[in-house]
């Protein structure tokens, strides 16, 4: 099975030489599940052509915000709306937000400001609670009519959305392990508010990344379901 990874940003400068572009993080997250990958750099106006042979698509995170309405974001949003229902789609962080936007939802600044660090998440679908890396200031404020929330936090109502067998999305960054998140903070914390930096430092070490989202995404691509 071949998965097209739509890359919507570039890593922090000091991280790229060590870890590669964002598609490489997802290839690692989804390793060992008999999947092949092809990267398309949406951030650089690259998109799959209509005859592309990918079986599903994953939209990555980005340092940009959906509300910027950059031209490439409009192109990606239109492409997602057209592809929705034809091939399974997974969105992560920015990908989670632009998918919701493309399908009629609304994205806005979070009422609690930045969420940064290893964060506890609650499953509301009967699944197991988990911890994962977070790095976002924006969130889905209104979900599309097709979407159902299956993950939440005390401050983020739509931390995970399912769209039946058509799409799946996550606000957190399952592709960031503890080490990557720490190095990202060291290199990129200047974009955060003072309050966000203080919260990160205060909660540092309280939780470690512990989830099975990679397996869940692989299962969704193969079966159209997140249920084991």
C-alpha atoms as a PDB file:
ATOM      1  CA  UNK A   1       0.000   0.000   0.000  1.00  0.00           C
ATOM      2  CA  UNK A   2       1.365   3.385  -1.023  1.00  0.00           C
ATOM      3  CA  UNK A   3       0.797   6.487   1.095  1.00  0.00           C
ATOM      4  CA  UNK A   4       1.322   9.988  -0.264  1.00  0.00           C
ATOM      5  CA  UNK A   5       2.672  12.360   2.377  1.00  0.00           C
ATOM      6  CA  UNK A   6       1.656  15.970   1.770  1.00  0.00           C
ATOM      7  CA  UNK A   7       4.407  18.017   3.421  1.00  0.00           C
ATOM      8  CA  UNK A   8       3.160  21.416   4.587  1.00  0.00           C
ATOM      9  CA  UNK A   9       6.277  22.879   6.154  1.00  0.00           C
ATOM     10  CA  UNK A  10       9.999  22.539   6.678  1.00  0.00           C
ATOM     11  CA  UNK A  11      11.712  21.619   9.977  1.00  0.00           C
ATOM     12  CA  UNK A  12      13.565  24.016  12.232  1.00  0.00           C
ATOM     13  CA  UNK A  13      16.981  24.659  10.604  1.00  0.00           C
ATOM     14  CA  UNK A  14      19.045  22.770  13.168  1.00  0.00           C
ATOM     15  CA  UNK A  15      16.779  19.709  13.054  1.00  0.00           C
ATOM     16  CA  UNK A  16      16.576  19.155   9.296  1.00  0.00           C
ATOM     17  CA  UNK A  17      20.131  17.794   8.814  1.00  0.00           C
ATOM     18  CA  UNK A  18      19.644  15.274  11.630  1.00  0.00           C
ATOM     19  CA  UNK A  19      16.051  14.160  11.090  1.00  0.00           C
ATOM     20  CA  UNK A  20      15.239  15.083   7.502  1.00  0.00           C
ATOM     21  CA  UNK A  21      12.023  16.681   6.254  1.00  0.00           C
ATOM     22  CA  UNK A  22       8.692  16.001   7.980  1.00  0.00           C
ATOM     23  CA  UNK A  23       7.855  13.089   5.687  1.00  0.00           C
ATOM     24  CA  UNK A  24      10.790  11.165   7.148  1.00  0.00           C
ATOM     25  CA  UNK A  25       9.336  11.479  10.662  1.00  0.00           C
ATOM     26  CA  UNK A  26       6.084   9.919   9.461  1.00  0.00           C
ATOM     27  CA  UNK A  27       7.863   7.169   7.579  1.00  0.00           C
ATOM     28  CA  UNK A  28       9.521   6.280  10.882  1.00  0.00           C
ATOM     29  CA  UNK A  29       6.202   6.503  12.786  1.00  0.00           C
ATOM     30  CA  UNK A  30       4.512   4.150  10.313  1.00  0.00           C
ATOM     31  CA  UNK A  31       7.445   1.772   9.807  1.00  0.00           C
ATOM     32  CA  UNK A  32       6.935  -1.989   9.915  1.00  0.00           C
ATOM     33  CA  UNK A  33       3.385  -1.937   8.542  1.00  0.00           C
ATOM     34  CA  UNK A  34       4.105  -2.872   4.920  1.00  0.00           C
ATOM     35  CA  UNK A  35       3.551   0.663   3.647  1.00  0.00           C
ATOM     36  CA  UNK A  36       5.371   2.557   0.890  1.00  0.00           C
ATOM     37  CA  UNK A  37       5.640   6.336   0.777  1.00  0.00           C
ATOM     38  CA  UNK A  38       5.884   9.195  -1.677  1.00  0.00           C
ATOM     39  CA  UNK A  39       6.332  12.804  -0.586  1.00  0.00           C
ATOM     40  CA  UNK A  40       4.617  15.822  -2.146  1.00  0.00           C
ATOM     41  CA  UNK A  41       5.723  19.240  -0.878  1.00  0.00           C
ATOM     42  CA  UNK A  42       2.438  21.116  -0.709  1.00  0.00           C
ATOM     43  CA  UNK A  43       4.234  24.029   0.970  1.00  0.00           C
ATOM     44  CA  UNK A  44       6.192  24.404  -2.279  1.00  0.00           C
ATOM     45  CA  UNK A  45       3.052  24.147  -4.461  1.00  0.00           C
ATOM     46  CA  UNK A  46       3.513  20.469  -5.274  1.00  0.00           C
ATOM     47  CA  UNK A  47       0.423  18.246  -5.358  1.00  0.00           C
ATOM     48  CA  UNK A  48      -0.387  14.719  -6.566  1.00  0.00           C
ATOM     49  CA  UNK A  49      -1.682  14.688 -10.122  1.00  0.00           C
ATOM     50  CA  UNK A  50      -5.105  13.152 -10.858  1.00  0.00           C
ATOM     51  CA  UNK A  51      -3.507   9.900 -12.010  1.00  0.00           C
ATOM     52  CA  UNK A  52      -1.363   9.448  -8.885  1.00  0.00           C
ATOM     53  CA  UNK A  53      -1.348   5.847  -7.725  1.00  0.00           C
ATOM     54  CA  UNK A  54      -1.232   6.477  -3.960  1.00  0.00           C
ATOM     55  CA  UNK A  55      -3.776   4.492  -1.943  1.00  0.00           C
ATOM     56  CA  UNK A  56      -4.122   7.126   0.783  1.00  0.00           C
ATOM     57  CA  UNK A  57      -2.728  10.464   1.901  1.00  0.00           C
ATOM     58  CA  UNK A  58      -1.309  11.976   5.081  1.00  0.00           C
ATOM     59  CA  UNK A  59      -1.060  15.751   5.625  1.00  0.00           C
ATOM     60  CA  UNK A  60       1.758  16.830   7.946  1.00  0.00           C
ATOM     61  CA  UNK A  61       2.150  19.596  10.479  1.00  0.00           C
ATOM     62  CA  UNK A  62       3.567  23.014   9.670  1.00  0.00           C
ATOM     63  CA  UNK A  63       4.986  26.112  11.284  1.00  0.00           C
ATOM     64  CA  UNK A  64       2.310  28.061   9.380  1.00  0.00           C
ATOM     65  CA  UNK A  65      -1.325  28.661  10.347  1.00  0.00           C
ATOM     66  CA  UNK A  66      -4.413  27.872   8.276  1.00  0.00           C
ATOM     67  CA  UNK A  67      -5.780  31.369   8.881  1.00  0.00           C
ATOM     68  CA  UNK A  68      -2.872  32.883   6.922  1.00  0.00           C
ATOM     69  CA  UNK A  69      -4.674  31.793   3.727  1.00  0.00           C
ATOM     70  CA  UNK A  70      -1.450  31.520   1.754  1.00  0.00           C
ATOM     71  CA  UNK A  71      -2.022  30.575  -1.913  1.00  0.00           C
ATOM     72  CA  UNK A  72      -0.617  27.068  -1.462  1.00  0.00           C
ATOM     73  CA  UNK A  73      -3.020  26.519   1.441  1.00  0.00           C
ATOM     74  CA  UNK A  74      -5.964  27.335  -0.803  1.00  0.00           C
ATOM     75  CA  UNK A  75      -4.670  24.876  -3.384  1.00  0.00           C
ATOM     76  CA  UNK A  76      -4.259  22.177  -0.746  1.00  0.00           C
ATOM     77  CA  UNK A  77      -7.680  22.875   0.766  1.00  0.00           C
ATOM     78  CA  UNK A  78      -9.349  22.526  -2.630  1.00  0.00           C
ATOM     79  CA  UNK A  79      -7.432  19.323  -3.320  1.00  0.00           C
ATOM     80  CA  UNK A  80      -8.494  17.837   0.025  1.00  0.00           C
ATOM     81  CA  UNK A  81     -12.147  18.687  -0.595  1.00  0.00           C
ATOM     82  CA  UNK A  82     -11.998  16.965  -4.004  1.00  0.00           C
ATOM     83  CA  UNK A  83     -10.089  13.922  -2.741  1.00  0.00           C
ATOM     84  CA  UNK A  84     -12.248  13.428   0.364  1.00  0.00           C
ATOM     85  CA  UNK A  85     -14.254  10.228  -0.004  1.00  0.00           C
ATOM     86  CA  UNK A  86     -12.114   8.940  -2.884  1.00  0.00           C
ATOM     87  CA  UNK A  87      -8.979   8.032  -0.924  1.00  0.00           C
ATOM     88  CA  UNK A  88      -8.468   7.797   2.872  1.00  0.00           C
ATOM     89  CA  UNK A  89      -6.888  10.926   4.362  1.00  0.00           C
ATOM     90  CA  UNK A  90      -5.060  11.434   7.665  1.00  0.00           C
ATOM     91  CA  UNK A  91      -4.215  14.902   8.990  1.00  0.00           C
ATOM     92  CA  UNK A  92      -1.791  15.810  11.783  1.00  0.00           C
ATOM     93  CA  UNK A  93      -1.720  19.191  13.583  1.00  0.00           C
ATOM     94  CA  UNK A  94      -1.787  21.660  10.655  1.00  0.00           C
ATOM     95  CA  UNK A  95      -3.083  18.752   8.575  1.00  0.00           C
ATOM     96  CA  UNK A  96      -5.846  18.179  11.145  1.00  0.00           C
ATOM     97  CA  UNK A  97      -6.809  21.835  10.914  1.00  0.00           C
ATOM     98  CA  UNK A  98      -6.691  22.332   7.149  1.00  0.00           C
ATOM     99  CA  UNK A  99      -8.699  19.151   6.585  1.00  0.00           C
ATOM    100  CA  UNK A 100     -11.410  20.485   8.899  1.00  0.00           C
ATOM    101  CA  UNK A 101     -11.240  23.852   7.128  1.00  0.00           C
ATOM    102  CA  UNK A 102     -11.543  22.213   3.695  1.00  0.00           C
ATOM    103  CA  UNK A 103     -14.647  20.299   4.802  1.00  0.00           C
ATOM    104  CA  UNK A 104     -16.520  23.252   6.265  1.00  0.00           C
ATOM    105  CA  UNK A 105     -15.113  23.523   9.785  1.00  0.00           C
ATOM    106  CA  UNK A 106     -13.504  26.569  11.367  1.00  0.00           C
ATOM    107  CA  UNK A 107      -9.966  27.056  12.692  1.00  0.00           C
ATOM    108  CA  UNK A 108      -9.072  29.753  15.208  1.00  0.00           C
ATOM    109  CA  UNK A 109      -6.607  30.664  17.940  1.00  0.00           C
ATOM    110  CA  UNK A 110      -7.026  28.440  20.967  1.00  0.00           C
ATOM    111  CA  UNK A 111      -8.688  30.099  23.937  1.00  0.00           C
ATOM    112  CA  UNK A 112      -5.884  28.830  26.176  1.00  0.00           C
ATOM    113  CA  UNK A 113      -3.078  30.044  23.921  1.00  0.00           C
ATOM    114  CA  UNK A 114      -0.135  27.783  23.139  1.00  0.00           C
ATOM    115  CA  UNK A 115      -0.078  24.098  24.055  1.00  0.00           C
ATOM    116  CA  UNK A 116       3.519  22.882  24.060  1.00  0.00           C
ATOM    117  CA  UNK A 117       5.091  19.788  25.612  1.00  0.00           C
ATOM    118  CA  UNK A 118       4.205  16.174  26.285  1.00  0.00           C
ATOM    119  CA  UNK A 119       0.480  16.316  26.922  1.00  0.00           C
ATOM    120  CA  UNK A 120      -2.094  13.837  28.286  1.00  0.00           C
ATOM    121  CA  UNK A 121      -4.990  13.082  25.934  1.00  0.00           C
ATOM    122  CA  UNK A 122      -8.307  11.432  26.732  1.00  0.00           C
ATOM    123  CA  UNK A 123     -10.094   9.052  24.386  1.00  0.00           C
ATOM    124  CA  UNK A 124     -13.854   9.545  24.337  1.00  0.00           C
ATOM    125  CA  UNK A 125     -14.505   6.522  22.131  1.00  0.00           C
ATOM    126  CA  UNK A 126     -13.596   3.903  24.723  1.00  0.00           C
ATOM    127  CA  UNK A 127      -9.955   3.745  23.642  1.00  0.00           C
ATOM    128  CA  UNK A 128      -6.937   4.011  25.914  1.00  0.00           C
ATOM    129  CA  UNK A 129      -5.795   7.445  27.113  1.00  0.00           C
ATOM    130  CA  UNK A 130      -2.265   8.383  26.078  1.00  0.00           C
ATOM    131  CA  UNK A 131       0.423  11.055  26.073  1.00  0.00           C
ATOM    132  CA  UNK A 132       1.885  12.717  22.985  1.00  0.00           C
ATOM    133  CA  UNK A 133       3.859  15.765  21.938  1.00  0.00           C
ATOM    134  CA  UNK A 134       1.942  18.986  21.364  1.00  0.00           C
ATOM    135  CA  UNK A 135       3.026  22.197  19.672  1.00  0.00           C
ATOM    136  CA  UNK A 136       0.155  24.406  18.553  1.00  0.00           C
ATOM    137  CA  UNK A 137      -1.526  27.749  19.090  1.00  0.00           C
ATOM    138  CA  UNK A 138      -4.431  27.220  16.702  1.00  0.00           C
ATOM    139  CA  UNK A 139      -7.074  24.507  16.814  1.00  0.00           C
ATOM    140  CA  UNK A 140     -10.315  23.348  15.233  1.00  0.00           C
ATOM    141  CA  UNK A 141     -12.937  25.635  16.778  1.00  0.00           C
ATOM    142  CA  UNK A 142     -15.915  24.180  14.889  1.00  0.00           C
ATOM    143  CA  UNK A 143     -15.795  20.665  13.455  1.00  0.00           C
ATOM    144  CA  UNK A 144     -17.249  19.780  10.036  1.00  0.00           C
ATOM    145  CA  UNK A 145     -20.662  18.107  10.064  1.00  0.00           C
ATOM    146  CA  UNK A 146     -19.128  14.776   8.957  1.00  0.00           C
ATOM    147  CA  UNK A 147     -16.658  14.741  11.855  1.00  0.00           C
ATOM    148  CA  UNK A 148     -16.909  13.093  15.256  1.00  0.00           C
ATOM    149  CA  UNK A 149     -14.535  13.888  18.125  1.00  0.00           C
ATOM    150  CA  UNK A 150     -12.751  10.853  19.587  1.00  0.00           C
ATOM    151  CA  UNK A 151      -9.901  12.548  21.468  1.00  0.00           C
ATOM    152  CA  UNK A 152      -9.991  15.584  23.748  1.00  0.00           C
ATOM    153  CA  UNK A 153      -8.149  17.434  26.491  1.00  0.00           C
ATOM    154  CA  UNK A 154      -9.362  19.818  29.168  1.00  0.00           C
ATOM    155  CA  UNK A 155      -8.655  22.712  26.802  1.00  0.00           C
ATOM    156  CA  UNK A 156      -9.058  21.182  23.324  1.00  0.00           C
ATOM    157  CA  UNK A 157     -12.466  19.765  22.443  1.00  0.00           C
ATOM    158  CA  UNK A 158     -11.472  18.485  19.003  1.00  0.00           C
ATOM    159  CA  UNK A 159      -8.051  16.958  19.627  1.00  0.00           C
ATOM    160  CA  UNK A 160      -8.930  14.045  17.362  1.00  0.00           C
ATOM    161  CA  UNK A 161     -11.605  13.715  14.682  1.00  0.00           C
ATOM    162  CA  UNK A 162     -12.907  10.759  12.691  1.00  0.00           C
ATOM    163  CA  UNK A 163     -14.848  11.072   9.455  1.00  0.00           C
ATOM    164  CA  UNK A 164     -16.083   7.488   9.204  1.00  0.00           C
ATOM    165  CA  UNK A 165     -13.911   5.509   6.825  1.00  0.00           C
ATOM    166  CA  UNK A 166     -13.019   8.633   4.827  1.00  0.00           C
ATOM    167  CA  UNK A 167     -10.596  10.519   7.046  1.00  0.00           C
ATOM    168  CA  UNK A 168      -8.924  10.708  10.450  1.00  0.00           C
ATOM    169  CA  UNK A 169      -7.047  13.557  12.096  1.00  0.00           C
ATOM    170  CA  UNK A 170      -5.026  14.449  15.184  1.00  0.00           C
ATOM    171  CA  UNK A 171      -4.178  17.816  16.752  1.00  0.00           C
ATOM    172  CA  UNK A 172      -1.090  16.441  18.517  1.00  0.00           C
ATOM    173  CA  UNK A 173       2.250  15.440  16.933  1.00  0.00           C
ATOM    174  CA  UNK A 174       2.590  11.642  17.187  1.00  0.00           C
ATOM    175  CA  UNK A 175       5.678  11.852  14.966  1.00  0.00           C
ATOM    176  CA  UNK A 176       7.601  13.848  17.629  1.00  0.00           C
ATOM    177  CA  UNK A 177       9.272  11.619  20.218  1.00  0.00           C
ATOM    178  CA  UNK A 178      10.628  13.006  23.507  1.00  0.00           C
ATOM    179  CA  UNK A 179      14.046  13.764  22.043  1.00  0.00           C
ATOM    180  CA  UNK A 180      12.738  15.542  18.962  1.00  0.00           C
ATOM    181  CA  UNK A 181      10.377  17.673  21.027  1.00  0.00           C
ATOM    182  CA  UNK A 182      13.195  18.704  23.389  1.00  0.00           C
ATOM    183  CA  UNK A 183      15.460  19.646  20.484  1.00  0.00           C
ATOM    184  CA  UNK A 184      12.624  21.513  18.768  1.00  0.00           C
ATOM    185  CA  UNK A 185      12.057  23.546  21.926  1.00  0.00           C
ATOM    186  CA  UNK A 186      15.749  24.325  22.200  1.00  0.00           C
ATOM    187  CA  UNK A 187      15.907  25.545  18.594  1.00  0.00           C
ATOM    188  CA  UNK A 188      12.468  27.100  18.106  1.00  0.00           C
ATOM    189  CA  UNK A 189      11.117  28.275  21.454  1.00  0.00           C
ATOM    190  CA  UNK A 190      11.549  31.913  20.427  1.00  0.00           C
ATOM    191  CA  UNK A 191       8.189  31.701  18.588  1.00  0.00           C
ATOM    192  CA  UNK A 192       6.373  30.874  21.840  1.00  0.00           C
ATOM    193  CA  UNK A 193       4.826  33.267  24.301  1.00  0.00           C
ATOM    194  CA  UNK A 194       6.584  33.788  27.636  1.00  0.00           C
ATOM    195  CA  UNK A 195       3.714  31.984  29.347  1.00  0.00           C
ATOM    196  CA  UNK A 196       4.081  28.974  27.032  1.00  0.00           C
ATOM    197  CA  UNK A 197       7.817  28.766  27.728  1.00  0.00           C
ATOM    198  CA  UNK A 198       7.187  28.928  31.475  1.00  0.00           C
ATOM    199  CA  UNK A 199       4.555  26.188  31.267  1.00  0.00           C
ATOM    200  CA  UNK A 200       6.874  23.980  29.222  1.00  0.00           C
ATOM    201  CA  UNK A 201       9.691  24.360  31.738  1.00  0.00           C
ATOM    202  CA  UNK A 202       7.369  23.835  34.706  1.00  0.00           C
ATOM    203  CA  UNK A 203       5.922  20.594  33.311  1.00  0.00           C
ATOM    204  CA  UNK A 204       9.132  19.258  31.768  1.00  0.00           C
ATOM    205  CA  UNK A 205       9.631  15.596  32.701  1.00  0.00           C
ATOM    206  CA  UNK A 206       6.135  15.167  34.112  1.00  0.00           C
ATOM    207  CA  UNK A 207       5.095  12.935  31.195  1.00  0.00           C
ATOM    208  CA  UNK A 208       6.814  10.946  28.471  1.00  0.00           C
ATOM    209  CA  UNK A 209       5.478  10.193  24.999  1.00  0.00           C
ATOM    210  CA  UNK A 210       3.449   6.981  25.138  1.00  0.00           C
ATOM    211  CA  UNK A 211       0.934   6.192  22.399  1.00  0.00           C
ATOM    212  CA  UNK A 212       0.076   3.762  19.592  1.00  0.00           C
ATOM    213  CA  UNK A 213      -1.051   6.300  17.022  1.00  0.00           C
ATOM    214  CA  UNK A 214       1.324   5.004  14.359  1.00  0.00           C
ATOM    215  CA  UNK A 215      -0.361   1.604  14.496  1.00  0.00           C
ATOM    216  CA  UNK A 216      -3.775   3.264  14.524  1.00  0.00           C
ATOM    217  CA  UNK A 217      -3.020   5.305  11.407  1.00  0.00           C
ATOM    218  CA  UNK A 218      -1.720   2.227   9.601  1.00  0.00           C
ATOM    219  CA  UNK A 219      -4.841   0.287  10.541  1.00  0.00           C
ATOM    220  CA  UNK A 220      -7.063   3.097   9.299  1.00  0.00           C
ATOM    221  CA  UNK A 221      -5.327   3.213   5.920  1.00  0.00           C
ATOM    222  CA  UNK A 222      -5.681  -0.547   5.509  1.00  0.00           C
ATOM    223  CA  UNK A 223      -9.171  -1.130   6.908  1.00  0.00           C
ATOM    224  CA  UNK A 224     -10.944   2.225   7.117  1.00  0.00           C
ATOM    225  CA  UNK A 225     -11.322   1.816  10.868  1.00  0.00           C
ATOM    226  CA  UNK A 226      -9.353   2.769  13.983  1.00  0.00           C
ATOM    227  CA  UNK A 227     -10.727  -0.200  15.916  1.00  0.00           C
ATOM    228  CA  UNK A 228      -8.300  -3.054  16.516  1.00  0.00           C
END
